[in-house]
Protein backbone atom coordinates (compact mmCIF):
# COMPACT_ATOMS: atom_id res chain seq x y z
CA MET A 1 -39.85 -47.03 14.25
CA ALA A 2 -41.76 -50.10 15.64
CA PRO A 3 -43.87 -49.79 18.79
CA ASN A 4 -41.38 -50.33 21.72
CA GLU A 5 -38.19 -50.85 18.67
CA PRO A 6 -35.66 -48.60 19.71
CA GLN A 7 -34.95 -44.90 17.36
CA LEU A 8 -31.77 -45.62 15.00
CA TYR A 9 -31.64 -41.31 14.66
CA GLY A 10 -33.25 -40.05 18.21
CA THR A 11 -35.93 -37.92 15.90
CA GLN A 12 -39.41 -38.92 18.38
CA TRP A 13 -39.19 -37.19 21.34
CA GLY A 14 -41.57 -35.78 24.33
CA LYS A 15 -42.10 -34.03 27.56
CA SER A 16 -41.70 -35.98 30.59
CA PRO A 17 -43.67 -35.18 34.35
CA ALA A 18 -41.69 -32.71 34.88
CA GLY A 19 -42.07 -31.07 31.44
CA LYS A 20 -38.48 -31.57 29.81
CA PRO A 21 -37.39 -33.63 26.48
CA GLU A 22 -36.59 -36.93 26.67
CA PRO A 23 -37.20 -39.42 23.70
CA ARG A 24 -40.50 -41.36 22.91
CA THR A 25 -38.41 -45.03 22.82
CA ALA A 26 -34.65 -45.98 23.73
CA ILE A 27 -32.05 -45.11 20.78
CA GLU A 28 -29.89 -47.91 19.71
CA ASP A 29 -26.41 -47.32 20.76
CA GLU A 30 -26.93 -44.12 22.06
CA ALA A 31 -23.12 -42.88 22.54
CA MET A 32 -22.94 -43.64 18.60
CA VAL A 33 -26.28 -42.13 17.80
CA ASP A 34 -24.54 -38.83 16.27
CA ILE A 35 -22.46 -40.40 14.12
CA ARG A 36 -25.63 -42.74 13.07
CA ARG A 37 -27.37 -39.09 12.01
CA ALA A 38 -24.32 -37.82 10.27
CA ALA A 39 -24.18 -40.60 7.60
CA VAL A 40 -27.76 -39.71 6.39
CA GLY A 41 -27.75 -35.82 6.19
CA LEU A 42 -28.43 -35.16 9.91
CA GLY A 43 -27.08 -33.23 13.22
CA THR A 44 -26.32 -33.51 16.46
CA ILE A 45 -28.56 -34.15 18.67
CA ASP A 46 -27.93 -31.25 20.85
CA ALA A 47 -28.41 -29.40 18.08
CA TYR A 48 -32.09 -30.82 17.03
CA LEU A 49 -33.67 -30.36 20.89
CA LYS A 50 -32.64 -26.36 20.40
CA GLU A 51 -33.87 -26.77 17.33
CA LEU A 52 -37.03 -28.82 18.83
CA GLY A 53 -37.04 -25.81 21.91
CA ALA A 54 -36.71 -23.47 18.92
CA ALA A 55 -39.88 -24.46 17.17
CA PHE A 56 -42.07 -25.79 19.94
CA GLY A 57 -41.11 -23.51 22.85
CA LYS A 58 -40.23 -24.52 26.57
CA ARG A 59 -43.35 -24.92 28.02
């Protein structure tokens, strides 16, 4: 992923100042991201965020 370029699969996340997850850069055509993810064998964004929360804790 190039700096400031939109993400295709939404795999790069950080935390907002309020501590909530947010994409590090925008997700291209966010309405279609789960379809793109499924095409390459990834789960949904919601499932991914749950995995991240379990792996890194909800701080």
